[in-house]
Amino acid sequence: MRKLILNADDYGLTQGVSRGIRFAYSAGCLSSTTAMTNIPGADRGLENAKRDTPSLPIGVHLTLTAGGPVLPPEKIPTLVDGGGRFHTRKAFLARLSEIDPAEAGREFRAQIGVLQSLGIRPDHLDSHHFVSYLTPGLLEQMLLLAKEFGLAVRPPAGCDGAMDDLFPGLPDSAAAFLQDKARNLIRRASVPTADRLYLTFYNNTATRKHLQWIIANLPEGTSEIMCHPGTPDRELRAASDYAEERGYELTLLTECGLPGRLEQEGIRLTSYGGLHA
């Protein structure tokens, strides 16, 4: 059996992103999403999902490099800058050795709690910019929460060699941990995860041809394709340098006959929640 998780990252980043994800799910072109619950306005998008797409599986896109924390900044001093905001991705990587994993774990728990407070059971856990996978301490904090709440997690690295393109400037130690030891930690923790993760449906390789190639060559087992659909608007352009590209991804996913192609190939869309079945 070939099963596919098509997960849209960044739900809640802007209303346009959330709206685009709901549209793609309603069109049968996504199987789940993960929400940035720390972003102001994310709760509005999540309430809209409860109303408009109540069956959409929603996980938590654990975030330490965008926006501000859910917890008071003084409770997590190694995670925030002088203004009480999360460090940029570049600054986060530069001070990776100074990050207190316990503080990250408390903030992760608070971000999961936002989803729960809205009456939504998390589908799974992953993280923005893969922050929860960069050191053993950060990954262990995510795995403790996954076990506590009975959740699956995304695999730690792609099977298609996209780490350098997606994450320029990644310290050698973090890259080595992602590619080698992180999956062993997940396995030892007995936390469910997909068999493989495709990262190359992104930017210049987010094309119809490449998506069709991945689907045609999908191995047995459960695979995830990470994607970032959304509706570009002024808010998104101000929040992300990956804005117009989200519109291209949305168009491609919803206009390439994806549901029919998956049926033809005998591939079943699923979510991380289905790994417990």
Protein backbone atom coordinates (compact mmCIF):
# COMPACT_ATOMS: atom_id res chain seq x y z
CA MET A 1 0.00 0.00 0.00
CA ARG A 2 1.29 3.46 -0.92
CA LYS A 3 0.02 6.22 1.34
CA LEU A 4 0.70 9.92 0.93
CA ILE A 5 0.55 12.79 3.39
CA LEU A 6 0.32 16.13 1.58
CA ASN A 7 0.93 18.55 4.43
CA ALA A 8 0.67 22.32 4.07
CA ASP A 9 2.99 24.18 6.44
CA ASP A 10 2.39 27.62 7.98
CA TYR A 11 -1.37 27.65 8.60
CA GLY A 12 -2.10 30.88 10.47
CA LEU A 13 0.89 32.80 9.11
CA THR A 14 -1.61 35.12 7.37
CA GLN A 15 -5.29 34.91 6.53
CA GLY A 16 -4.36 34.41 2.86
CA VAL A 17 -2.22 31.40 3.68
CA SER A 18 -4.96 29.89 5.84
CA ARG A 19 -7.62 30.56 3.20
CA GLY A 20 -5.50 28.96 0.46
CA ILE A 21 -4.87 25.86 2.57
CA ARG A 22 -8.58 25.43 3.29
CA PHE A 23 -9.35 25.77 -0.43
CA ALA A 24 -6.75 23.16 -1.41
CA TYR A 25 -8.06 20.73 1.22
CA SER A 26 -11.65 21.20 0.07
CA ALA A 27 -10.50 20.42 -3.48
CA GLY A 28 -9.05 17.09 -2.31
CA CYS A 29 -5.46 18.21 -2.88
CA LEU A 30 -4.16 18.22 0.71
CA SER A 31 -4.45 15.79 3.57
CA SER A 32 -3.33 17.93 6.53
CA THR A 33 -1.78 21.17 7.69
CA THR A 34 0.31 22.44 10.60
CA ALA A 35 -0.50 25.72 12.32
CA MET A 36 1.76 28.48 13.63
CA THR A 37 -0.33 29.04 16.72
CA ASN A 38 1.92 31.81 18.09
CA ILE A 39 1.12 34.20 15.22
CA PRO A 40 -1.47 36.95 15.98
CA GLY A 41 -4.63 36.15 14.06
CA ALA A 42 -3.91 32.43 13.80
CA ASP A 43 -6.84 31.74 16.13
CA ARG A 44 -9.16 33.44 13.64
CA GLY A 45 -7.93 31.18 10.84
CA LEU A 46 -8.33 28.14 13.07
CA GLU A 47 -11.90 29.09 13.96
CA ASN A 48 -12.58 29.41 10.21
CA ALA A 49 -11.15 25.94 9.69
CA LYS A 50 -13.44 24.51 12.36
CA ARG A 51 -16.39 26.07 10.55
CA ASP A 52 -15.44 25.59 6.88
CA THR A 53 -13.24 22.47 6.85
CA PRO A 54 -14.01 20.64 10.10
CA SER A 55 -12.41 17.39 8.90
CA LEU A 56 -9.05 19.05 8.08
CA PRO A 57 -6.36 17.43 10.27
CA ILE A 58 -4.39 20.25 11.92
CA GLY A 59 -1.06 19.75 13.63
CA VAL A 60 1.26 22.25 15.31
CA HIS A 61 4.08 23.91 13.36
CA LEU A 62 6.26 24.53 16.41
CA THR A 63 7.83 27.94 15.99
CA LEU A 64 10.91 29.63 17.47
CA THR A 65 11.99 31.83 14.54
CA ALA A 66 8.92 33.90 13.59
CA GLY A 67 6.71 36.27 15.54
CA GLY A 68 6.65 36.22 19.32
CA PRO A 69 6.17 33.54 21.96
CA VAL A 70 2.95 32.35 23.53
CA LEU A 71 4.62 32.40 26.94
CA PRO A 72 5.74 35.64 28.61
CA PRO A 73 9.20 36.47 27.18
CA GLU A 74 10.78 36.64 30.63
CA LYS A 75 9.97 32.95 31.10
CA ILE A 76 12.06 31.93 28.07
CA PRO A 77 15.01 34.37 27.91
CA THR A 78 17.25 32.25 25.65
CA LEU A 79 14.56 32.14 22.95
CA VAL A 80 13.84 35.85 22.54
CA ASP A 81 15.61 39.07 21.62
CA GLY A 82 15.63 42.32 23.58
CA GLY A 83 12.16 43.18 22.33
CA GLY A 84 10.66 39.91 23.51
CA ARG A 85 10.34 38.49 19.99
CA PHE A 86 11.78 35.29 18.61
CA HIS A 87 15.15 35.63 16.94
CA THR A 88 15.29 35.52 13.15
CA ARG A 89 16.27 32.18 11.65
CA LYS A 90 19.80 33.45 10.97
CA ALA A 91 20.24 34.73 14.53
CA PHE A 92 18.71 31.54 15.97
CA LEU A 93 21.25 29.40 14.12
CA ALA A 94 24.11 31.65 15.21
CA ARG A 95 23.20 31.16 18.88
CA LEU A 96 22.00 27.57 18.65
CA SER A 97 24.38 26.42 21.41
CA GLU A 98 22.89 29.01 23.78
CA ILE A 99 19.27 27.85 23.38
CA ASP A 100 17.88 26.18 26.51
CA PRO A 101 15.94 23.09 25.35
CA ALA A 102 13.80 23.16 28.49
CA GLU A 103 12.62 26.67 27.63
CA ALA A 104 11.83 25.48 24.11
CA GLY A 105 9.84 22.58 25.53
CA ARG A 106 7.74 24.92 27.65
CA GLU A 107 7.05 27.16 24.67
CA PHE A 108 6.23 24.15 22.48
CA ARG A 109 3.72 23.00 25.09
CA ALA A 110 2.13 26.45 25.15
CA GLN A 111 1.81 26.46 21.36
CA ILE A 112 0.14 23.05 21.43
CA GLY A 113 -2.15 24.40 24.16
CA VAL A 114 -3.41 27.17 21.88
CA LEU A 115 -4.78 24.56 19.46
CA GLN A 116 -6.30 22.55 22.28
CA SER A 117 -7.94 25.64 23.78
CA LEU A 118 -9.84 26.05 20.51
CA GLY A 119 -11.19 22.52 20.77
CA ILE A 120 -8.87 21.11 18.09
CA ARG A 121 -6.96 17.90 18.79
CA PRO A 122 -3.51 18.19 17.19
CA ASP A 123 -2.89 15.78 14.33
CA HIS A 124 0.91 15.78 14.62
CA LEU A 125 3.99 17.90 15.31
CA ASP A 126 6.59 19.42 13.02
CA SER A 127 8.40 22.75 13.18
CA HIS A 128 9.03 25.98 11.31
CA HIS A 129 12.55 25.99 9.82
CA PHE A 130 12.95 22.52 11.39
CA VAL A 131 13.98 24.16 14.69
CA SER A 132 12.91 21.18 16.79
CA TYR A 133 15.26 18.88 14.86
CA LEU A 134 18.52 20.85 15.08
CA THR A 135 19.96 19.50 18.36
CA PRO A 136 19.34 16.39 20.46
CA GLY A 137 17.93 18.53 23.28
CA LEU A 138 15.38 20.30 21.09
CA LEU A 139 14.27 17.07 19.44
CA GLU A 140 13.94 15.32 22.80
CA GLN A 141 11.61 18.08 24.00
CA MET A 142 9.36 17.62 20.96
CA LEU A 143 9.38 13.85 21.37
CA LEU A 144 8.42 14.08 25.05
CA LEU A 145 5.37 16.12 24.06
CA ALA A 146 4.54 13.79 21.17
CA LYS A 147 4.52 10.81 23.54
CA GLU A 148 2.53 12.69 26.17
CA PHE A 149 -0.19 13.70 23.73
CA GLY A 150 -0.07 10.57 21.56
CA LEU A 151 1.08 12.35 18.42
CA ALA A 152 3.19 11.46 15.41
CA VAL A 153 6.01 13.69 14.15
CA ARG A 154 7.40 14.57 10.75
CA PRO A 155 10.65 12.80 9.74
CA PRO A 156 13.75 14.86 10.49
CA ALA A 157 15.20 15.15 6.98
CA GLY A 158 14.22 14.79 3.36
CA CYS A 159 14.82 11.68 1.31
CA ASP A 160 15.53 13.85 -1.74
CA GLY A 161 18.62 15.74 -0.61
CA ALA A 162 17.13 19.22 -0.34
CA MET A 163 18.55 20.38 2.98
CA ASP A 164 21.24 22.70 1.58
CA ASP A 165 18.80 24.41 -0.77
CA LEU A 166 16.09 24.86 1.84
CA PHE A 167 18.28 25.75 4.80
CA PRO A 168 21.35 27.73 3.73
CA GLY A 169 23.74 28.47 6.55
CA LEU A 170 22.81 25.43 8.62
CA PRO A 171 25.70 24.64 11.02
CA ASP A 172 27.54 21.45 10.13
CA SER A 173 26.65 19.90 13.48
CA ALA A 174 22.93 20.53 12.96
CA ALA A 175 23.02 19.27 9.37
CA ALA A 176 24.80 16.09 10.45
CA PHE A 177 22.32 15.51 13.28
CA LEU A 178 19.36 16.01 10.94
CA GLN A 179 20.66 13.64 8.32
CA ASP A 180 21.94 10.90 10.59
CA LYS A 181 21.12 10.65 14.30
CA ALA A 182 17.73 12.40 14.57
CA ARG A 183 15.74 9.53 13.08
CA ASN A 184 17.36 7.11 15.52
CA LEU A 185 16.17 9.26 18.42
CA ILE A 186 12.63 9.20 17.04
CA ARG A 187 12.79 5.44 16.61
CA ARG A 188 14.07 4.88 20.15
CA ALA A 189 11.28 7.09 21.51
CA SER A 190 8.71 4.88 19.68
CA VAL A 191 7.02 7.96 18.23
CA PRO A 192 5.23 7.33 14.91
CA THR A 193 6.59 9.07 11.83
CA ALA A 194 6.36 8.74 8.06
CA ASP A 195 8.73 6.45 6.20
CA ARG A 196 10.10 9.34 4.15
CA LEU A 197 9.76 13.07 3.54
CA TYR A 198 9.96 14.91 0.22
CA LEU A 199 11.19 18.48 0.51
CA THR A 200 11.75 19.36 -3.14
CA PHE A 201 8.19 20.49 -3.95
CA TYR A 202 9.40 23.99 -3.19
CA ASN A 203 10.40 27.17 -5.03
CA ASN A 204 11.84 26.45 -8.49
CA THR A 205 11.13 22.71 -8.26
CA ALA A 206 7.48 23.15 -7.24
CA THR A 207 6.37 22.20 -10.74
CA ARG A 208 3.72 19.95 -12.23
CA LYS A 209 6.39 17.74 -13.77
CA HIS A 210 8.24 17.27 -10.49
CA LEU A 211 5.06 16.56 -8.52
CA GLN A 212 4.02 13.98 -11.09
CA TRP A 213 7.47 12.39 -10.90
CA ILE A 214 7.30 12.07 -7.11
CA ILE A 215 3.85 10.50 -7.30
CA ALA A 216 4.79 8.10 -10.08
CA ASN A 217 7.88 6.94 -8.17
CA LEU A 218 6.40 6.87 -4.66
CA PRO A 219 7.61 3.75 -2.81
CA GLU A 220 5.51 1.47 -0.63
CA GLY A 221 4.73 2.78 2.82
CA THR A 222 3.80 6.27 4.01
CA SER A 223 5.45 9.32 2.48
CA GLU A 224 5.00 13.03 3.15
CA ILE A 225 5.31 15.81 0.59
CA MET A 226 5.85 19.12 2.35
CA CYS A 227 4.16 22.05 0.61
CA HIS A 228 3.34 25.74 1.16
CA PRO A 229 0.17 26.79 -0.68
CA GLY A 230 -1.47 30.11 0.05
CA THR A 231 -3.14 33.17 -1.41
CA PRO A 232 -0.60 36.01 -1.85
CA ASP A 233 -1.78 39.34 -0.49
CA ARG A 234 -0.22 42.41 1.10
CA GLU A 235 -0.10 40.78 4.51
CA LEU A 236 1.74 37.73 3.17
CA ARG A 237 4.21 39.77 1.14
CA ALA A 238 5.09 41.68 4.31
CA ALA A 239 5.43 38.52 6.40
CA SER A 240 7.33 36.19 4.09
CA ASP A 241 9.78 36.28 1.22
CA TYR A 242 8.05 33.15 -0.05
CA ALA A 243 4.79 34.81 -1.11
CA GLU A 244 4.04 34.65 -4.83
CA GLU A 245 5.45 31.14 -4.83
CA ARG A 246 2.68 30.05 -2.45
CA GLY A 247 0.15 31.17 -5.03
CA TYR A 248 1.92 29.10 -7.68
CA GLU A 249 1.86 26.06 -5.41
CA LEU A 250 -1.85 26.54 -4.71
CA THR A 251 -2.66 26.80 -8.41
CA LEU A 252 -0.58 23.77 -9.28
CA LEU A 253 -2.03 21.58 -6.53
CA THR A 254 -5.63 22.42 -7.38
CA GLU A 255 -5.44 22.50 -11.17
CA CYS A 256 -3.28 19.50 -12.09
CA GLY A 257 -5.94 16.82 -11.59
CA LEU A 258 -4.20 15.56 -8.47
CA PRO A 259 -7.06 13.53 -6.91
CA GLY A 260 -7.56 11.62 -10.14
CA ARG A 261 -3.85 11.00 -10.57
CA LEU A 262 -3.57 9.59 -7.04
CA GLU A 263 -6.54 7.31 -7.65
CA GLN A 264 -5.02 6.14 -10.93
CA GLU A 265 -1.74 5.32 -9.17
CA GLY A 266 -3.51 3.53 -6.31
CA ILE A 267 -2.17 6.01 -3.74
CA ARG A 268 -4.30 6.83 -0.71
CA LEU A 269 -4.16 10.25 0.91
CA THR A 270 -3.81 10.04 4.66
CA SER A 271 -2.68 12.12 7.63
CA TYR A 272 -0.23 11.55 10.46
CA GLY A 273 -3.20 10.74 12.67
CA GLY A 274 -3.75 7.72 10.43
CA LEU A 275 -0.39 6.26 11.48
CA HIS A 276 -1.99 5.22 14.77
CA ALA A 277 -4.63 3.13 12.96
